[in-house]
Amino acid sequence: MLPTKSTTINHGFAALVKNRGFMLLWIGQLISQLADKVFFVLMIALLKLYLPVNGGGEDGRFYLYMAFTVPAMLFGSAGGIIVDRVPKKLIMVASDAVRGVLMLLIPFLPREFAILLFFTFSISTVTQFFAPAEQAAIPLLVKKEGLMAANALFSSTMMAALIIGNAVATPMLNWFESFNKGFGKELVVGCLYLLSALIMMPIHFREHRPNQETAPINPWAEFMLGLRYLKQNRLVWNAMLQIVTLYCVFAALIELAIGMAARLHLAPEEFSSFVAAAGVGMVIGAAILGHFGHRLHHKPLPLIGFIIMAFSLGLFIFIDNQPLALGLCIFLGVGAAFVNVPMQTLIQQQTPPEMHGKVFGFQNHAINIALTAPLLITTKLVNAFGLSVVLLGMSVVVGAIGIWSWQNTRKVLQDVI
């Protein structure tokens, strides 16, 4: 059923700007995500001050990377379990406040490598509680007909934070360090987290209060409850599968971009321009959906998105110059947005409030794995079969998943996207 005129006027970014609670959430999470990106760059920069004098730089970076990524593997789902029992605003504000305080403590402690690892692990662990709370908060602040635009805005700003954060992190840290030697870098990251917490404090929304809220938490039982729900609700499961596939492609794109840079005779570090271009494409695609989403109602957006991604991956085989490669990356990013935004909206619409935390926690966990495992697998595949074969294989797999997913759920999807 097509939305009526009275409904369609509530679509788009214009309506969201008037929603004070949503805007506070959006600005707060944007600052928090920017802090996350600058935080990791800062930890790498601090590494040389915390390592032993006799070296060990390579091992140090490896352990630091593990301290940053392992919490995502271990606690991604656990964060969702807590979100269903504790007020989401409290989780988001407390997560930012704790991370901010931890950052401000670093300069006052001994410069021991173990301390740097501990703070990296702790801050990364706290982050796992912020993400599912943020996703679960969006449906509480935005009406159902505005979720597409809301997710488009969140998706575009997520990629913008990734691109801008990595670009401005080092200049920003150096600029603040020039004002306060030995403390400026930690101060700016800590203040970003605390600023995010302050911005989100005025948010007000009604939350679902489950009857078992005061009962003891059994993490394994809660996890299995969420998993059973996903298995029973094939629509949500299928949407999550498509989002995870999308993130697998983006993770693999990092290794593929390195190969593309070598094939085009570019410097190794220039691979990041391809990843950034894909991010720009995702911002463009999200903007299209956010502004014109109501006009695209009932269109097979995820299928179109997967076909665009598959076509782009396959066409990379024949590209031999950088401008065309960058343009194709942008096109791929647009396709990714056509998958991510509608599917995230669908999950929010179809998941009951009492399951929000568990479902978004599980999704966060799956995405974290999807962003890590393909890096290792893609490297081995490229070394074994070559870049062109891997690109062709990924193109076929991505296209097949898109067609299979749409065939399985198209009758229902056409009614909800």
Protein backbone atom coordinates (compact mmCIF):
# COMPACT_ATOMS: atom_id res chain seq x y z
CA MET A 1 0.00 0.00 0.00
CA LEU A 2 1.44 3.36 -1.02
CA PRO A 3 1.64 6.01 1.68
CA THR A 4 -0.97 8.73 1.55
CA LYS A 5 -0.14 12.36 1.03
CA SER A 6 -0.50 13.13 4.73
CA THR A 7 2.09 10.48 5.47
CA THR A 8 4.58 11.35 2.78
CA ILE A 9 5.03 14.90 4.01
CA ASN A 10 6.55 13.43 7.17
CA HIS A 11 9.29 11.75 5.16
CA GLY A 12 12.74 13.13 4.47
CA PHE A 13 15.40 15.01 6.35
CA ALA A 14 13.27 18.14 6.87
CA ALA A 15 10.99 16.37 9.36
CA LEU A 16 13.98 14.97 11.25
CA VAL A 17 15.51 18.41 11.74
CA LYS A 18 12.37 19.40 13.67
CA ASN A 19 12.69 16.35 15.95
CA ARG A 20 14.76 17.69 18.85
CA GLY A 21 15.37 14.32 20.50
CA PHE A 22 16.53 12.70 17.28
CA MET A 23 18.83 15.62 16.44
CA LEU A 24 20.45 15.43 19.87
CA LEU A 25 20.99 11.69 19.37
CA TRP A 26 22.39 12.23 15.87
CA ILE A 27 24.80 15.01 16.88
CA GLY A 28 25.89 13.10 19.99
CA GLN A 29 26.63 9.87 18.12
CA LEU A 30 28.43 11.79 15.35
CA ILE A 31 30.80 13.33 17.90
CA SER A 32 31.18 9.95 19.64
CA GLN A 33 32.04 8.22 16.36
CA LEU A 34 34.54 10.93 15.50
CA ALA A 35 36.11 10.37 18.93
CA ASP A 36 36.31 6.62 18.21
CA LYS A 37 38.26 7.23 14.99
CA VAL A 38 40.64 9.75 16.58
CA PHE A 39 41.07 7.46 19.60
CA PHE A 40 42.53 4.61 17.54
CA VAL A 41 44.90 6.97 15.71
CA LEU A 42 45.98 8.34 19.10
CA MET A 43 46.70 4.87 20.48
CA ILE A 44 48.95 4.15 17.49
CA ALA A 45 50.71 7.49 18.01
CA LEU A 46 51.22 6.81 21.74
CA LEU A 47 52.64 3.37 21.03
CA LYS A 48 56.21 4.61 20.55
CA LEU A 49 56.12 6.27 23.98
CA TYR A 50 54.97 3.10 25.74
CA LEU A 51 57.11 0.46 24.04
CA PRO A 52 60.45 -0.65 25.48
CA VAL A 53 63.49 1.24 24.20
CA ASN A 54 64.86 -1.88 22.48
CA GLY A 55 61.96 -1.91 19.96
CA GLY A 56 59.19 -4.42 19.40
CA GLY A 57 57.17 -2.04 17.24
CA GLU A 58 55.58 -4.69 15.03
CA ASP A 59 54.54 -6.85 17.98
CA GLY A 60 53.31 -3.77 19.81
CA ARG A 61 51.00 -2.78 16.96
CA PHE A 62 49.69 -6.34 16.75
CA TYR A 63 48.82 -6.49 20.45
CA LEU A 64 47.29 -3.02 20.33
CA TYR A 65 45.14 -4.04 17.37
CA MET A 66 44.04 -7.16 19.26
CA ALA A 67 43.14 -5.09 22.34
CA PHE A 68 41.03 -2.87 20.09
CA THR A 69 39.22 -5.63 18.16
CA VAL A 70 38.83 -8.53 20.62
CA PRO A 71 36.15 -6.76 22.73
CA ALA A 72 34.01 -6.46 19.60
CA MET A 73 34.20 -10.24 19.18
CA LEU A 74 33.58 -11.03 22.86
CA PHE A 75 31.05 -8.43 23.99
CA GLY A 76 29.08 -7.43 20.88
CA SER A 77 26.05 -9.51 21.85
CA ALA A 78 26.47 -8.91 25.59
CA GLY A 79 25.98 -5.20 25.03
CA GLY A 80 22.58 -5.89 23.50
CA ILE A 81 21.47 -7.96 26.49
CA ILE A 82 22.19 -5.04 28.82
CA VAL A 83 20.40 -2.62 26.49
CA ASP A 84 17.12 -4.52 26.94
CA ARG A 85 17.30 -4.11 30.74
CA VAL A 86 18.88 -0.69 31.32
CA PRO A 87 17.58 2.66 30.00
CA LYS A 88 19.19 3.33 26.63
CA LYS A 89 19.88 6.97 27.40
CA LEU A 90 21.75 5.93 30.55
CA ILE A 91 23.85 3.44 28.58
CA MET A 92 24.80 5.95 25.89
CA VAL A 93 25.58 8.81 28.28
CA ALA A 94 27.45 6.56 30.71
CA SER A 95 29.43 4.91 27.89
CA ASP A 96 30.62 8.28 26.64
CA ALA A 97 31.35 9.55 30.15
CA VAL A 98 33.37 6.45 31.10
CA ARG A 99 35.39 6.58 27.89
CA GLY A 100 36.02 10.28 28.37
CA VAL A 101 37.25 9.84 31.95
CA LEU A 102 39.48 6.90 30.96
CA MET A 103 41.09 9.01 28.23
CA LEU A 104 41.78 11.86 30.66
CA LEU A 105 43.45 9.44 33.10
CA ILE A 106 46.04 8.12 30.63
CA PRO A 107 48.60 10.99 30.93
CA PHE A 108 48.71 10.67 34.73
CA LEU A 109 49.65 6.97 34.76
CA PRO A 110 53.06 5.32 34.19
CA ARG A 111 54.03 4.84 30.56
CA GLU A 112 53.84 1.06 30.60
CA PHE A 113 52.77 -0.89 27.53
CA ALA A 114 50.43 -3.04 29.64
CA ILE A 115 48.61 0.11 30.81
CA LEU A 116 48.13 1.26 27.21
CA LEU A 117 46.70 -2.16 26.30
CA PHE A 118 44.41 -2.11 29.34
CA PHE A 119 42.94 1.30 28.46
CA THR A 120 42.55 0.36 24.79
CA PHE A 121 40.76 -2.86 25.74
CA SER A 122 38.57 -1.09 28.32
CA ILE A 123 37.49 1.76 26.04
CA SER A 124 36.80 -0.66 23.17
CA THR A 125 34.72 -2.83 25.54
CA VAL A 126 32.58 0.11 26.67
CA THR A 127 32.00 1.01 23.00
CA GLN A 128 30.20 -2.32 22.48
CA PHE A 129 27.38 -1.12 24.75
CA PHE A 130 26.94 2.21 22.95
CA ALA A 131 26.22 0.83 19.45
CA PRO A 132 23.14 -1.37 20.19
CA ALA A 133 21.69 1.28 22.52
CA GLU A 134 21.98 3.87 19.76
CA GLN A 135 20.27 1.63 17.18
CA ALA A 136 17.50 0.70 19.63
CA ALA A 137 16.92 4.37 20.47
CA ILE A 138 16.15 5.46 16.89
CA PRO A 139 12.68 3.78 16.67
CA LEU A 140 11.78 5.33 20.03
CA LEU A 141 12.44 8.84 18.74
CA VAL A 142 11.26 8.59 15.12
CA LYS A 143 7.86 7.56 13.78
CA LYS A 144 7.69 4.50 11.58
CA GLU A 145 7.31 6.48 8.36
CA GLY A 146 10.46 8.48 9.16
CA LEU A 147 12.77 5.54 9.86
CA MET A 148 14.10 5.33 6.29
CA ALA A 149 15.28 8.94 6.38
CA ALA A 150 16.64 8.52 9.93
CA ASN A 151 18.69 5.47 8.98
CA ALA A 152 19.88 7.20 5.82
CA LEU A 153 21.15 10.10 7.92
CA PHE A 154 22.84 7.78 10.43
CA SER A 155 24.38 5.69 7.66
CA SER A 156 25.76 8.71 5.80
CA THR A 157 27.19 10.30 8.93
CA MET A 158 28.76 6.99 9.98
CA MET A 159 30.72 6.90 6.73
CA ALA A 160 31.45 10.63 6.96
CA ALA A 161 32.87 10.15 10.46
CA LEU A 162 35.04 7.31 9.16
CA ILE A 163 36.40 9.36 6.26
CA ILE A 164 36.74 12.69 8.09
CA GLY A 165 37.98 11.07 11.30
CA ASN A 166 40.87 9.31 9.59
CA ALA A 167 41.68 12.43 7.56
CA VAL A 168 41.70 14.98 10.40
CA ALA A 169 42.84 12.79 13.30
CA THR A 170 46.58 13.40 13.01
CA PRO A 171 46.38 17.17 12.27
CA MET A 172 43.84 17.62 15.08
CA LEU A 173 45.97 15.73 17.59
CA ASN A 174 49.14 17.62 16.61
CA TRP A 175 47.34 20.97 16.84
CA PHE A 176 46.08 20.33 20.37
CA GLU A 177 49.46 18.91 21.39
CA SER A 178 51.09 22.21 20.39
CA PHE A 179 49.00 23.99 23.05
CA ASN A 180 49.55 21.45 25.82
CA LYS A 181 52.63 19.27 25.54
CA GLY A 182 52.18 15.79 26.97
CA PHE A 183 48.44 16.11 27.60
CA GLY A 184 46.76 17.80 24.63
CA LYS A 185 46.12 14.67 22.55
CA GLU A 186 44.39 12.74 25.32
CA LEU A 187 42.49 15.88 26.32
CA VAL A 188 40.87 16.38 22.91
CA VAL A 189 39.66 12.76 22.64
CA GLY A 190 38.41 12.71 26.22
CA CYS A 191 36.57 16.00 25.72
CA LEU A 192 34.92 14.70 22.54
CA TYR A 193 33.47 11.76 24.48
CA LEU A 194 32.33 13.99 27.34
CA LEU A 195 30.79 16.49 24.90
CA SER A 196 28.82 13.65 23.29
CA ALA A 197 27.53 12.63 26.73
CA LEU A 198 26.44 16.19 27.55
CA ILE A 199 24.63 16.60 24.23
CA MET A 200 22.60 13.41 24.73
CA MET A 201 21.62 14.09 28.34
CA PRO A 202 18.49 16.18 27.48
CA ILE A 203 17.02 13.39 25.30
CA HIS A 204 13.64 12.13 26.54
CA PHE A 205 11.77 9.09 25.25
CA ARG A 206 9.56 6.37 26.62
CA GLU A 207 11.16 2.97 26.81
CA HIS A 208 9.73 -0.51 26.98
CA ARG A 209 10.12 -1.98 30.46
CA PRO A 210 10.18 -5.79 30.39
CA ASN A 211 8.68 -7.67 33.34
CA GLN A 212 11.92 -9.58 33.90
CA GLU A 213 13.95 -6.36 34.21
CA THR A 214 14.82 -7.01 37.85
CA ALA A 215 15.45 -10.74 37.38
CA PRO A 216 19.06 -11.98 37.36
CA ILE A 217 20.67 -11.81 33.93
CA ASN A 218 21.61 -15.11 32.32
CA PRO A 219 23.75 -13.96 29.36
CA TRP A 220 23.72 -17.31 27.56
CA ALA A 221 19.94 -17.73 27.93
CA GLU A 222 19.37 -14.14 26.75
CA PHE A 223 21.68 -14.69 23.77
CA MET A 224 19.87 -17.90 22.80
CA LEU A 225 16.51 -16.13 23.16
CA GLY A 226 17.63 -13.51 20.66
CA LEU A 227 19.02 -16.15 18.31
CA ARG A 228 15.76 -18.13 18.45
CA TYR A 229 13.81 -14.99 17.64
CA LEU A 230 15.98 -14.36 14.59
CA LYS A 231 15.57 -17.94 13.40
CA GLN A 232 11.79 -17.70 13.76
CA ASN A 233 11.57 -14.28 12.10
CA ARG A 234 13.03 -15.01 8.68
CA LEU A 235 12.41 -11.46 7.49
CA VAL A 236 14.66 -9.91 10.14
CA TRP A 237 17.20 -12.74 9.77
CA ASN A 238 17.34 -12.20 6.01
CA ALA A 239 17.75 -8.44 6.41
CA MET A 240 20.60 -8.98 8.86
CA LEU A 241 22.25 -11.45 6.48
CA GLN A 242 22.20 -8.82 3.75
CA ILE A 243 23.74 -6.19 6.04
CA VAL A 244 26.47 -8.60 7.16
CA THR A 245 27.19 -9.48 3.51
CA LEU A 246 27.52 -5.78 2.77
CA TYR A 247 30.07 -5.28 5.56
CA CYS A 248 32.00 -8.36 4.39
CA VAL A 249 32.32 -6.72 0.97
CA PHE A 250 33.55 -3.47 2.52
CA ALA A 251 36.10 -5.33 4.66
CA ALA A 252 37.34 -7.27 1.63
CA LEU A 253 37.48 -4.00 -0.31
CA ILE A 254 40.39 -2.88 1.86
CA GLU A 255 42.58 -5.76 0.64
CA LEU A 256 41.23 -5.48 -2.90
CA ALA A 257 42.01 -1.75 -2.90
CA ILE A 258 45.62 -2.51 -2.01
CA GLY A 259 45.79 -4.84 -5.00
CA MET A 260 44.11 -2.23 -7.22
CA ALA A 261 46.64 0.40 -6.14
CA ALA A 262 49.51 -1.92 -7.06
CA ARG A 263 47.96 -2.76 -10.43
CA LEU A 264 47.52 0.93 -11.24
CA HIS A 265 51.15 1.63 -10.17
CA LEU A 266 50.10 3.80 -7.24
CA ALA A 267 51.86 4.15 -3.91
CA PRO A 268 50.71 1.48 -1.40
CA GLU A 269 49.19 4.06 0.94
CA GLU A 270 46.97 5.41 -1.86
CA PHE A 271 44.67 2.39 -1.48
CA SER A 272 42.77 4.44 1.12
CA SER A 273 41.45 6.72 -1.64
CA PHE A 274 39.43 3.80 -3.05
CA VAL A 275 37.94 2.99 0.35
CA ALA A 276 37.16 6.68 0.92
CA ALA A 277 35.48 6.87 -2.51
CA ALA A 278 33.23 3.94 -1.59
CA GLY A 279 32.37 5.78 1.62
CA VAL A 280 31.49 8.90 -0.37
CA GLY A 281 29.24 6.76 -2.57
CA MET A 282 27.49 5.41 0.51
CA VAL A 283 26.89 8.96 1.72
CA ILE A 284 25.42 9.88 -1.69
CA GLY A 285 23.21 6.78 -1.74
CA ALA A 286 21.99 7.43 1.79
CA ALA A 287 21.23 11.06 0.89
CA ILE A 288 19.18 9.90 -2.11
CA LEU A 289 17.17 7.52 0.06
CA GLY A 290 16.74 10.06 2.83
CA HIS A 291 15.39 12.71 0.49
CA PHE A 292 13.50 10.62 -2.08
CA GLY A 293 12.81 7.47 -0.06
CA HIS A 294 9.01 7.92 -0.11
CA ARG A 295 9.08 8.06 -3.92
CA LEU A 296 11.00 4.77 -4.03
CA HIS A 297 8.39 2.97 -1.93
CA HIS A 298 7.79 -0.65 -3.10
CA LYS A 299 10.93 -0.59 -5.27
CA PRO A 300 13.34 -3.55 -4.86
CA LEU A 301 16.04 -1.34 -3.33
CA PRO A 302 18.20 -4.12 -1.78
CA LEU A 303 18.13 -6.12 -5.02
CA ILE A 304 19.14 -3.00 -6.98
CA GLY A 305 21.89 -2.36 -4.43
CA PHE A 306 23.35 -5.87 -4.68
CA ILE A 307 23.25 -5.75 -8.49
CA ILE A 308 25.11 -2.41 -8.45
CA MET A 309 27.73 -3.85 -6.08
CA ALA A 310 28.13 -7.04 -8.14
CA PHE A 311 28.40 -5.05 -11.38
CA SER A 312 31.02 -2.73 -9.84
CA LEU A 313 33.16 -5.58 -8.50
CA GLY A 314 33.09 -7.35 -11.86
CA LEU A 315 33.91 -4.19 -13.79
CA PHE A 316 37.01 -3.54 -11.64
CA ILE A 317 38.71 -6.33 -13.61
CA PHE A 318 38.78 -4.15 -16.74
CA ILE A 319 39.67 -0.80 -15.13
CA ASP A 320 43.19 0.48 -15.84
CA ASN A 321 43.19 4.09 -14.60
CA GLN A 322 42.62 5.74 -11.24
CA PRO A 323 39.74 8.16 -12.03
CA LEU A 324 37.58 5.35 -13.42
CA ALA A 325 38.43 3.15 -10.43
CA LEU A 326 37.43 5.92 -8.02
CA GLY A 327 34.18 6.48 -9.91
CA LEU A 328 33.40 2.79 -9.75
CA CYS A 329 34.07 2.78 -5.99
CA ILE A 330 31.57 5.63 -5.59
CA PHE A 331 29.04 3.64 -7.62
CA LEU A 332 29.65 0.60 -5.41
CA GLY A 333 29.06 2.75 -2.33
CA VAL A 334 25.71 3.95 -3.68
CA GLY A 335 24.68 0.30 -4.12
CA ALA A 336 25.79 -0.46 -0.56
CA ALA A 337 23.54 2.32 0.78
CA PHE A 338 20.60 0.87 -1.17
CA VAL A 339 21.10 -2.35 0.80
CA ASN A 340 22.05 -1.01 4.22
CA VAL A 341 19.46 1.74 4.75
CA PRO A 342 16.27 -0.20 3.82
CA MET A 343 17.41 -3.36 5.63
CA GLN A 344 18.31 -1.47 8.82
CA THR A 345 14.93 0.25 8.65
CA LEU A 346 13.20 -3.10 8.20
CA ILE A 347 14.94 -4.59 11.25
CA GLN A 348 13.86 -1.63 13.39
CA GLN A 349 10.27 -1.82 12.13
CA GLN A 350 9.85 -5.58 12.51
CA THR A 351 11.63 -6.13 15.84
CA PRO A 352 9.45 -5.73 18.98
CA PRO A 353 10.77 -3.26 21.60
CA GLU A 354 11.56 -5.99 24.14
CA MET A 355 13.93 -7.63 21.62
CA HIS A 356 15.67 -4.48 20.34
CA GLY A 357 18.79 -4.84 22.46
CA LYS A 358 19.30 -8.54 21.78
CA VAL A 359 18.76 -8.18 18.03
CA PHE A 360 20.93 -5.09 17.63
CA GLY A 361 23.56 -6.60 19.92
CA PHE A 362 23.66 -9.72 17.77
CA GLN A 363 23.82 -7.55 14.65
CA ASN A 364 26.67 -5.52 16.12
CA HIS A 365 28.50 -8.76 16.95
CA ALA A 366 28.00 -10.17 13.45
CA ILE A 367 29.14 -6.92 11.80
CA ASN A 368 32.29 -6.84 13.92
CA ILE A 369 33.16 -10.35 12.74
CA ALA A 370 32.25 -9.41 9.16
CA LEU A 371 34.68 -6.50 9.29
CA THR A 372 37.56 -8.69 10.49
CA ALA A 373 37.40 -12.20 9.01
CA PRO A 374 37.24 -11.21 5.29
CA LEU A 375 40.52 -9.31 5.62
CA LEU A 376 42.38 -12.53 6.39
CA ILE A 377 40.48 -14.65 3.87
CA THR A 378 40.73 -12.13 1.02
CA THR A 379 44.49 -11.77 1.46
CA LYS A 380 44.99 -15.52 1.09
CA LEU A 381 42.62 -15.74 -1.89
CA VAL A 382 44.33 -12.88 -3.74
CA ASN A 383 47.74 -14.45 -3.13
CA ALA A 384 46.52 -17.85 -4.33
CA PHE A 385 44.34 -16.95 -7.34
CA GLY A 386 45.10 -13.35 -8.25
CA LEU A 387 43.11 -10.13 -7.97
CA SER A 388 40.97 -10.56 -11.10
CA VAL A 389 39.73 -14.04 -10.16
CA VAL A 390 38.80 -12.88 -6.65
CA LEU A 391 36.95 -9.83 -8.01
CA LEU A 392 35.00 -12.02 -10.43
CA GLY A 393 34.19 -14.54 -7.69
CA MET A 394 33.01 -11.82 -5.30
CA SER A 395 30.88 -10.30 -8.05
CA VAL A 396 29.12 -13.61 -8.65
CA VAL A 397 28.64 -14.33 -4.93
CA VAL A 398 27.30 -10.85 -4.12
CA GLY A 399 24.89 -10.93 -7.06
CA ALA A 400 23.69 -14.43 -6.14
CA ILE A 401 23.10 -13.45 -2.49
CA GLY A 402 21.11 -10.41 -3.58
CA ILE A 403 18.88 -12.39 -5.95
CA TRP A 404 18.44 -15.25 -3.46
CA SER A 405 17.53 -12.88 -0.62
CA TRP A 406 15.01 -11.01 -2.74
CA GLN A 407 13.40 -14.20 -4.04
CA ASN A 408 12.96 -15.49 -0.48
CA THR A 409 11.33 -12.40 0.98
CA ARG A 410 10.16 -10.15 -1.85
CA LYS A 411 6.42 -10.61 -1.16
CA VAL A 412 6.84 -9.35 2.39
CA LEU A 413 9.57 -6.82 1.66
CA GLN A 414 7.43 -5.02 -0.89
CA ASP A 415 4.97 -4.20 1.90
CA VAL A 416 7.52 -2.81 4.36
CA ILE A 417 10.12 -0.91 2.31
